[in-house]
């Protein structure tokens, strides 16, 4: 009864939204193509029994890559279908060589899913992190398609929501064969929501295993030149910022430049559609700034006070140049973003009080002395000022961060070993 009510409400919402979708599709043809994929209309792959991997956005796509490489290495004949929820995730997925077919995940409606599953005919569904869509789970489960939740995590906020709706989600969790969770706390939470203890395994976080670029001094110098940097700048890199944070960071920059006129802020908003909004903030503060792409085409005209990152997939590389790194989405109650990437480059990491999407890893980083959590604007100003004037403290924290990263590697292999029997079954079915 609850399932039927969910589908009735979903159908009603889709009918109400259809004029908006139609209008947007007429205005933007790209949206129309995306919409057709989301309702199950896309060319069928030329193969059967693929591994269907669902990764919602860019971050999940990146964390999947080591696992996809491991699968292809051991089972080269297995085909991989990769779906995403976001447009940027879709664009990133298309660059993954291990993905044999890429499309947008269908909306969670039985008609769209029936059409999509009929075209893909997956032999296994792997879902990254916490994409628990009721009809997706039920549609695949009733067709006997094994489902595995991997790199699973349940934030405190998500746990409260799922626990409140436990009566609704409980039956859908029955369709999942394995819950491969990041931490003991994630495992406890998924069991409280309804997962059976024998299905829950703690394997660690795949994001520790994602591929990291290595740079020599020459390549670092080339990267700095592409940003029009002289080489003597102090770089504060703020990654994945949200509304309400740029004002704080820009105000902090103005204060700190009185002491260090070589301080430059590399500002990377989480969502590129906010760039005009951020530019207005910079104009009001009377700071010199340039978009990253402009620096590649314009004639050199001095180092701007702010470099506004308007490209995708470049932030991790730029962390290698940073003096300090700040993790966005944490000064405002968004939940923070991945604090792991700067650790590889032995960079000092700071984040705000709202890291509930990464509560376990952020807590452990603080305990290891590998990151600093600030309480708000004033504390951020104090900690940034302190660390910029203490090179020894920065290096010690950076080294501890790198050791923390190395200590927690290995989740890819543990995850692969858990899903290996399911991959073997697909291989047996193919031949």
Protein backbone atom coordinates (compact mmCIF):
# COMPACT_ATOMS: atom_id res chain seq x y z
CA UNK A 1 0.00 0.00 0.00
CA UNK A 2 2.79 2.44 0.90
CA UNK A 3 4.62 1.59 -2.33
CA UNK A 4 1.50 2.26 -4.39
CA UNK A 5 0.97 5.58 -2.60
CA UNK A 6 4.60 6.57 -3.33
CA UNK A 7 4.10 5.86 -7.04
CA UNK A 8 0.79 7.75 -7.16
CA UNK A 9 2.40 10.82 -5.55
CA UNK A 10 5.41 10.55 -7.86
CA UNK A 11 3.17 10.29 -10.94
CA UNK A 12 1.15 13.29 -9.78
CA UNK A 13 4.33 15.36 -9.31
CA UNK A 14 5.62 14.37 -12.74
CA UNK A 15 2.33 15.39 -14.38
CA UNK A 16 2.43 18.74 -12.61
CA UNK A 17 6.05 19.26 -13.67
CA UNK A 18 5.57 18.23 -17.31
CA UNK A 19 4.82 21.76 -18.67
CA UNK A 20 8.05 23.00 -17.11
CA UNK A 21 10.04 20.07 -18.56
CA UNK A 22 8.47 20.61 -21.99
CA UNK A 23 9.20 24.34 -21.99
CA UNK A 24 12.77 23.86 -20.82
CA UNK A 25 13.29 21.14 -23.43
CA UNK A 26 12.11 23.47 -26.18
CA UNK A 27 14.44 26.24 -25.01
CA UNK A 28 17.46 24.03 -24.38
CA UNK A 29 17.81 21.03 -26.68
CA UNK A 30 20.49 19.58 -24.42
CA UNK A 31 17.93 19.29 -21.62
CA UNK A 32 15.55 17.47 -23.96
CA UNK A 33 18.18 14.83 -24.68
CA UNK A 34 18.83 14.44 -20.96
CA UNK A 35 15.13 14.15 -20.25
CA UNK A 36 14.61 11.39 -22.81
CA UNK A 37 17.41 9.39 -21.19
CA UNK A 38 15.85 9.94 -17.75
CA UNK A 39 12.57 8.38 -18.91
CA UNK A 40 14.31 5.37 -20.40
CA UNK A 41 14.60 6.37 -24.06
CA UNK A 42 18.20 5.81 -25.10
CA UNK A 43 19.93 3.46 -27.56
CA UNK A 44 20.26 -0.03 -26.13
CA UNK A 45 23.86 -1.15 -25.54
CA UNK A 46 25.22 -3.74 -27.94
CA UNK A 47 25.94 -6.15 -25.07
CA UNK A 48 24.02 -7.97 -22.36
CA UNK A 49 24.56 -8.65 -18.65
CA UNK A 50 26.72 -5.59 -17.96
CA UNK A 51 27.63 -4.29 -14.52
CA UNK A 52 25.44 -1.26 -13.93
CA UNK A 53 27.31 1.24 -11.73
CA UNK A 54 25.38 4.24 -10.46
CA UNK A 55 27.38 7.24 -9.19
CA UNK A 56 25.28 10.35 -8.52
CA UNK A 57 27.77 13.15 -9.19
CA UNK A 58 31.38 14.02 -9.99
CA UNK A 59 32.71 13.00 -6.57
CA UNK A 60 31.13 9.57 -6.75
CA UNK A 61 32.38 9.07 -10.32
CA UNK A 62 35.95 9.82 -9.22
CA UNK A 63 35.76 7.44 -6.28
CA UNK A 64 34.47 4.67 -8.57
CA UNK A 65 37.46 4.79 -10.90
CA UNK A 66 39.87 2.59 -8.88
CA UNK A 67 37.15 -0.05 -8.46
CA UNK A 68 36.23 0.02 -12.15
CA UNK A 69 39.89 -0.40 -13.08
CA UNK A 70 40.18 -3.35 -10.70
CA UNK A 71 37.07 -4.99 -12.16
CA UNK A 72 38.32 -4.57 -15.73
CA UNK A 73 41.73 -5.94 -14.80
CA UNK A 74 40.31 -9.16 -13.34
CA UNK A 75 37.25 -9.46 -15.61
CA UNK A 76 38.18 -7.74 -18.89
CA UNK A 77 35.19 -9.20 -20.72
CA UNK A 78 32.69 -7.65 -18.31
CA UNK A 79 30.99 -4.57 -19.70
CA UNK A 80 30.30 -1.57 -17.48
CA UNK A 81 27.35 0.81 -17.75
CA UNK A 82 27.82 4.01 -15.74
CA UNK A 83 24.92 6.28 -14.80
CA UNK A 84 24.86 9.62 -12.99
CA UNK A 85 22.29 12.00 -11.60
CA UNK A 86 24.00 15.33 -12.40
CA UNK A 87 25.10 16.83 -15.70
CA UNK A 88 28.65 17.43 -14.49
CA UNK A 89 28.78 13.83 -13.28
CA UNK A 90 27.62 12.66 -16.71
CA UNK A 91 30.33 14.70 -18.42
CA UNK A 92 32.96 13.26 -16.10
CA UNK A 93 31.65 9.71 -16.58
CA UNK A 94 32.15 10.02 -20.33
CA UNK A 95 35.89 10.48 -19.73
CA UNK A 96 36.20 7.21 -17.78
CA UNK A 97 37.74 4.66 -20.19
CA UNK A 98 36.44 1.70 -18.20
CA UNK A 99 32.82 2.78 -18.79
CA UNK A 100 31.46 1.11 -21.92
CA UNK A 101 28.14 2.96 -21.88
CA UNK A 102 27.09 6.18 -20.09
CA UNK A 103 23.67 7.73 -19.58
CA UNK A 104 21.57 9.63 -17.02
CA UNK A 105 19.94 7.46 -14.37
CA UNK A 106 16.20 7.16 -15.03
CA UNK A 107 13.74 8.94 -12.77
CA UNK A 108 12.49 6.70 -9.97
CA UNK A 109 9.25 5.77 -11.70
CA UNK A 110 8.39 2.15 -12.53
CA UNK A 111 7.61 2.87 -16.19
CA UNK A 112 10.92 4.66 -16.83
CA UNK A 113 12.86 2.01 -14.93
CA UNK A 114 11.12 -0.87 -16.66
CA UNK A 115 12.14 0.58 -20.03
CA UNK A 116 15.72 1.31 -18.93
CA UNK A 117 16.30 -2.08 -17.30
CA UNK A 118 14.87 -3.79 -20.39
CA UNK A 119 17.39 -1.97 -22.58
CA UNK A 120 20.43 -2.41 -20.31
CA UNK A 121 19.64 -5.93 -19.02
CA UNK A 122 22.18 -5.64 -16.18
CA UNK A 123 23.67 -8.65 -14.46
CA UNK A 124 24.59 -6.64 -11.35
CA UNK A 125 23.75 -3.21 -9.95
CA UNK A 126 26.41 -1.36 -7.93
CA UNK A 127 25.18 1.80 -6.18
CA UNK A 128 27.69 4.30 -4.81
CA UNK A 129 27.24 5.76 -1.32
CA UNK A 130 23.55 6.39 -0.44
CA UNK A 131 21.46 6.48 -3.62
CA UNK A 132 18.54 4.49 -2.19
CA UNK A 133 15.79 4.98 -4.79
CA UNK A 134 12.79 2.78 -3.91
CA UNK A 135 11.63 1.85 -7.42
CA UNK A 136 15.16 1.28 -8.65
CA UNK A 137 15.78 -1.19 -5.82
CA UNK A 138 12.43 -2.91 -6.24
CA UNK A 139 12.53 -3.09 -10.05
CA UNK A 140 15.97 -4.68 -10.09
CA UNK A 141 15.34 -6.84 -7.03
CA UNK A 142 12.15 -8.36 -8.43
CA UNK A 143 13.99 -9.27 -11.63
CA UNK A 144 16.62 -11.15 -9.62
CA UNK A 145 19.38 -8.61 -10.36
CA UNK A 146 21.83 -8.55 -7.41
CA UNK A 147 22.25 -5.10 -5.86
CA UNK A 148 25.30 -3.95 -3.89
CA UNK A 149 25.64 -0.64 -2.07
CA UNK A 150 29.36 0.20 -2.09
CA UNK A 151 31.36 2.94 -0.42
CA UNK A 152 28.22 3.33 1.64
CA UNK A 153 27.85 6.20 4.06
CA UNK A 154 24.94 7.56 6.08
CA UNK A 155 25.49 11.06 7.44
CA UNK A 156 23.83 12.07 10.69
CA UNK A 157 21.35 14.24 8.79
CA UNK A 158 20.54 11.46 6.31
CA UNK A 159 20.23 8.97 9.16
CA UNK A 160 17.59 11.07 10.90
CA UNK A 161 15.64 11.26 7.64
CA UNK A 162 15.94 7.56 6.81
CA UNK A 163 15.21 6.53 10.40
CA UNK A 164 12.05 8.65 10.42
CA UNK A 165 10.97 6.86 7.20
CA UNK A 166 12.20 3.45 8.34
CA UNK A 167 8.72 2.00 7.91
CA UNK A 168 8.95 2.98 4.23
CA UNK A 169 12.57 2.07 3.38
CA UNK A 170 12.77 -1.15 5.35
CA UNK A 171 11.19 -3.33 2.66
CA UNK A 172 13.37 -1.86 -0.11
CA UNK A 173 16.59 -2.64 1.75
CA UNK A 174 15.61 -6.33 1.52
CA UNK A 175 16.50 -6.23 -2.19
CA UNK A 176 20.14 -5.26 -1.50
CA UNK A 177 22.53 -8.22 -1.34
CA UNK A 178 25.48 -6.42 0.31
CA UNK A 179 26.03 -3.16 2.15
CA UNK A 180 29.75 -2.29 1.86
CA UNK A 181 30.03 0.61 4.28
CA UNK A 182 32.86 3.08 4.92
CA UNK A 183 32.92 3.06 8.72
CA UNK A 184 31.56 1.21 11.75
CA UNK A 185 29.20 4.12 12.38
CA UNK A 186 27.87 3.90 8.82
CA UNK A 187 27.34 0.18 9.35
CA UNK A 188 25.47 0.73 12.60
CA UNK A 189 23.22 3.33 11.00
CA UNK A 190 22.29 1.24 7.97
CA UNK A 191 21.41 -1.65 10.29
CA UNK A 192 19.21 0.62 12.40
CA UNK A 193 17.40 1.64 9.22
CA UNK A 194 16.74 -2.02 8.41
CA UNK A 195 19.75 -3.76 6.83
CA UNK A 196 20.42 -7.26 8.15
CA UNK A 197 23.68 -7.66 10.06
CA UNK A 198 24.91 -10.54 7.89
CA UNK A 199 24.71 -8.31 4.79
CA UNK A 200 26.76 -5.43 6.25
CA UNK A 201 30.54 -5.27 5.77
CA UNK A 202 32.95 -2.47 6.76
CA UNK A 203 35.51 -2.01 3.96
CA UNK A 204 36.68 1.61 4.23
CA UNK A 205 36.42 4.65 1.97
CA UNK A 206 37.22 4.35 -1.75
CA UNK A 207 38.08 8.04 -1.87
CA UNK A 208 41.39 7.26 -0.18
CA UNK A 209 42.26 5.09 -3.18
CA UNK A 210 41.33 7.47 -5.98
CA UNK A 211 44.14 8.18 -8.45
CA UNK A 212 46.24 11.22 -7.66
CA UNK A 213 48.46 13.06 -10.14
CA UNK A 214 52.18 13.32 -9.53
CA UNK A 215 53.99 16.53 -10.42
CA UNK A 216 57.69 17.29 -10.67
CA UNK A 217 59.07 20.77 -10.19
CA UNK A 218 58.90 21.52 -13.91
CA UNK A 219 55.21 20.59 -14.20
CA UNK A 220 54.40 22.59 -11.06
CA UNK A 221 56.16 25.58 -12.54
CA UNK A 222 54.21 25.20 -15.80
CA UNK A 223 50.94 25.03 -13.87
CA UNK A 224 51.86 28.17 -11.93
CA UNK A 225 52.73 30.00 -15.16
CA UNK A 226 49.35 29.03 -16.65
CA UNK A 227 47.80 30.93 -13.73
CA UNK A 228 50.08 33.93 -14.40
CA UNK A 229 51.80 33.38 -11.03
CA UNK A 230 55.36 34.58 -10.50
CA UNK A 231 56.26 31.88 -7.98
CA UNK A 232 56.54 33.97 -4.82
CA UNK A 233 52.80 34.07 -4.03
CA UNK A 234 51.11 32.64 -0.95
CA UNK A 235 48.09 30.67 -2.17
CA UNK A 236 44.91 30.12 -0.20
CA UNK A 237 42.75 27.63 -2.12
CA UNK A 238 39.06 27.48 -1.23
CA UNK A 239 37.47 24.45 -2.87
CA UNK A 240 33.77 23.78 -3.48
CA UNK A 241 32.45 26.92 -1.80
CA UNK A 242 28.75 27.73 -1.36
CA UNK A 243 26.64 30.85 -0.98
CA UNK A 244 27.54 32.69 2.20
CA UNK A 245 31.15 31.51 2.21
CA UNK A 246 32.64 33.65 -0.55
CA UNK A 247 31.83 36.86 1.37
CA UNK A 248 33.70 35.52 4.39
CA UNK A 249 36.72 34.40 2.38
CA UNK A 250 36.96 37.59 0.37
CA UNK A 251 36.74 39.71 3.53
CA UNK A 252 39.43 37.55 5.10
CA UNK A 253 41.63 38.00 2.03
CA UNK A 254 41.42 41.79 2.21
CA UNK A 255 42.48 41.76 5.86
CA UNK A 256 45.33 39.31 5.36
CA UNK A 257 46.76 41.08 2.31
CA UNK A 258 47.61 44.04 4.55
CA UNK A 259 50.21 41.75 6.15
CA UNK A 260 51.06 39.69 3.06
CA UNK A 261 50.46 41.53 -0.23
CA UNK A 262 51.52 38.37 -2.11
CA UNK A 263 48.52 36.42 -0.81
CA UNK A 264 46.26 35.18 -3.63
CA UNK A 265 42.91 33.44 -3.22
CA UNK A 266 41.98 30.68 -5.66
CA UNK A 267 38.22 30.49 -5.31
CA UNK A 268 36.39 27.42 -6.66
CA UNK A 269 32.58 27.61 -6.28
CA UNK A 270 30.94 24.20 -6.05
CA UNK A 271 28.38 25.07 -8.74
CA UNK A 272 29.60 26.93 -11.82
CA UNK A 273 26.19 28.49 -12.42
CA UNK A 274 26.95 30.67 -9.37
CA UNK A 275 29.93 32.35 -11.04
CA UNK A 276 28.04 35.60 -11.88
CA UNK A 277 26.88 35.80 -8.25
CA UNK A 278 30.45 35.36 -6.98
CA UNK A 279 31.73 37.92 -9.47
CA UNK A 280 29.31 40.47 -8.04
CA UNK A 281 30.75 39.83 -4.57
CA UNK A 282 34.28 40.42 -5.88
CA UNK A 283 33.25 43.62 -7.62
CA UNK A 284 31.63 45.00 -4.45
CA UNK A 285 34.83 44.31 -2.53
CA UNK A 286 36.89 46.15 -5.19
CA UNK A 287 39.30 43.22 -5.60
CA UNK A 288 41.18 42.43 -8.77
CA UNK A 289 40.09 39.05 -10.11
CA UNK A 290 40.21 36.90 -13.21
CA UNK A 291 38.44 33.76 -14.30
CA UNK A 292 40.77 30.83 -14.73
CA UNK A 293 39.95 30.48 -18.43
CA UNK A 294 40.75 34.14 -19.08
CA UNK A 295 44.30 33.65 -17.82
CA UNK A 296 44.91 31.14 -20.62
CA UNK A 297 43.87 33.56 -23.38
CA UNK A 298 44.56 37.11 -22.21
CA UNK A 299 47.84 38.94 -22.32
CA UNK A 300 49.71 38.94 -18.98
CA UNK A 301 48.62 41.88 -16.82
CA UNK A 302 49.87 41.15 -13.32
CA UNK A 303 48.72 38.66 -10.72
CA UNK A 304 45.06 39.14 -9.68
CA UNK A 305 44.12 39.06 -6.02
CA UNK A 306 41.52 36.37 -6.72
CA UNK A 307 41.55 33.62 -9.35
CA UNK A 308 38.01 32.37 -9.93
CA UNK A 309 38.07 28.74 -11.00
CA UNK A 310 35.55 28.28 -13.81
CA UNK A 311 36.72 24.85 -15.03
CA UNK A 312 35.77 21.30 -14.09
CA UNK A 313 38.20 18.66 -12.85
CA UNK A 314 41.13 21.02 -12.19
CA UNK A 315 40.76 21.70 -8.47
CA UNK A 316 42.65 18.62 -7.29
CA UNK A 317 45.66 19.52 -9.46
CA UNK A 318 45.67 23.08 -8.13
CA UNK A 319 45.80 21.82 -4.55
CA UNK A 320 49.41 20.88 -5.31
CA UNK A 321 50.27 24.59 -5.55
CA UNK A 322 48.45 25.71 -2.42
CA UNK A 323 49.90 27.05 0.80
CA UNK A 324 46.65 26.46 2.70
CA UNK A 325 43.44 24.74 1.61
CA UNK A 326 39.92 25.38 2.82
CA UNK A 327 37.08 22.89 2.28
CA UNK A 328 33.86 24.62 1.25
CA UNK A 329 30.31 23.83 2.28
CA UNK A 330 31.48 23.76 5.89
CA UNK A 331 31.05 27.37 7.09
CA UNK A 332 27.38 27.12 6.10
CA UNK A 333 25.16 24.11 6.92
CA UNK A 334 25.70 22.26 3.64
CA UNK A 335 27.66 19.39 5.17
CA UNK A 336 31.12 19.96 3.73
CA UNK A 337 32.94 18.25 0.88
CA UNK A 338 35.73 15.75 0.42
CA UNK A 339 38.72 16.80 2.59
CA UNK A 340 40.93 13.95 1.37
CA UNK A 341 42.35 15.29 -1.91
CA UNK A 342 44.71 17.96 -0.45
CA UNK A 343 46.24 15.34 1.87
CA UNK A 344 48.06 13.66 -1.01
CA UNK A 345 49.98 16.89 -1.66
CA UNK A 346 50.81 17.29 2.06
CA UNK A 347 48.75 20.45 2.29
CA UNK A 348 47.36 22.00 5.44
CA UNK A 349 43.56 21.54 5.51
CA UNK A 350 40.96 23.72 7.23
CA UNK A 351 37.19 23.37 7.33
CA UNK A 352 34.26 24.85 9.21
CA UNK A 353 31.86 23.41 11.80
CA UNK A 354 29.41 21.86 9.29
CA UNK A 355 31.11 18.67 8.07
CA UNK A 356 28.22 16.30 8.76
CA UNK A 357 28.48 14.64 5.33
CA UNK A 358 32.09 13.73 6.19
CA UNK A 359 31.81 13.58 9.96
CA UNK A 360 33.85 10.41 10.49
CA UNK A 361 36.80 11.31 8.27
CA UNK A 362 36.86 14.94 9.47
CA UNK A 363 36.82 13.81 13.11
CA UNK A 364 39.68 11.40 12.51
CA UNK A 365 41.68 14.03 10.65
CA UNK A 366 41.36 16.39 13.61
CA UNK A 367 42.35 13.64 16.05
CA UNK A 368 45.41 12.86 13.91
CA UNK A 369 46.47 16.52 13.87
CA UNK A 370 46.02 16.51 10.09
CA UNK A 371 43.35 19.22 9.83
CA UNK A 372 41.95 22.23 11.69
CA UNK A 373 38.25 22.75 12.25
CA UNK A 374 37.22 26.37 12.77
CA UNK A 375 34.11 27.56 14.59
CA UNK A 376 33.26 30.41 12.25
CA UNK A 377 34.48 33.59 10.56
CA UNK A 378 36.67 34.92 13.39
CA UNK A 379 38.23 31.56 14.14
CA UNK A 380 38.96 31.02 10.44
CA UNK A 381 40.72 34.39 10.30
CA UNK A 382 42.78 33.51 13.36
CA UNK A 383 43.77 30.03 12.16
CA UNK A 384 44.63 31.14 8.62
CA UNK A 385 46.75 34.00 9.96
CA UNK A 386 48.48 31.66 12.44
CA UNK A 387 49.27 28.98 9.88
CA UNK A 388 50.43 31.39 7.20
CA UNK A 389 53.02 32.71 9.64
CA UNK A 390 54.14 29.25 10.85
CA UNK A 391 55.70 27.20 8.07
CA UNK A 392 56.81 24.46 10.48
CA UNK A 393 53.25 23.92 11.70
CA UNK A 394 51.99 23.75 8.11
CA UNK A 395 54.58 21.16 7.15
CA UNK A 396 53.88 19.03 10.22
CA UNK A 397 50.17 19.08 9.54
CA UNK A 398 50.70 18.30 5.86
CA UNK A 399 52.92 15.32 6.71
CA UNK A 400 50.36 13.99 9.20
CA UNK A 401 47.66 14.33 6.56
CA UNK A 402 49.68 12.34 4.04
CA UNK A 403 50.37 9.60 6.60
CA UNK A 404 46.65 9.51 7.42
CA UNK A 405 45.86 9.06 3.72
CA UNK A 406 48.38 6.23 3.30
CA UNK A 407 47.10 4.47 6.43
CA UNK A 408 43.54 4.33 5.13
CA UNK A 409 44.19 3.08 1.61
CA UNK A 410 43.03 -0.40 0.59
CA UNK A 411 39.24 -0.05 0.40
CA UNK A 412 39.26 -0.80 -3.33
CA UNK A 413 40.73 -4.26 -2.87
CA UNK A 414 38.44 -5.08 0.06
CA UNK A 415 35.40 -3.93 -1.93
CA UNK A 416 36.49 -5.93 -4.97
CA UNK A 417 36.90 -9.11 -2.95
CA UNK A 418 33.38 -8.77 -1.60
CA UNK A 419 31.83 -8.33 -5.06
CA UNK A 420 34.05 -10.88 -6.81
CA UNK A 421 31.55 -13.78 -6.47
CA UNK A 422 28.88 -11.68 -8.17
CA UNK A 423 31.28 -10.80 -10.99
CA UNK A 424 32.14 -14.47 -11.42
CA UNK A 425 28.43 -15.27 -11.79
CA UNK A 426 28.15 -12.68 -14.57
CA UNK A 427 31.19 -14.18 -16.30
CA UNK A 428 29.67 -17.66 -16.08
CA UNK A 429 26.42 -16.37 -17.55
CA UNK A 430 28.24 -14.79 -20.49
CA UNK A 431 30.06 -17.94 -21.55
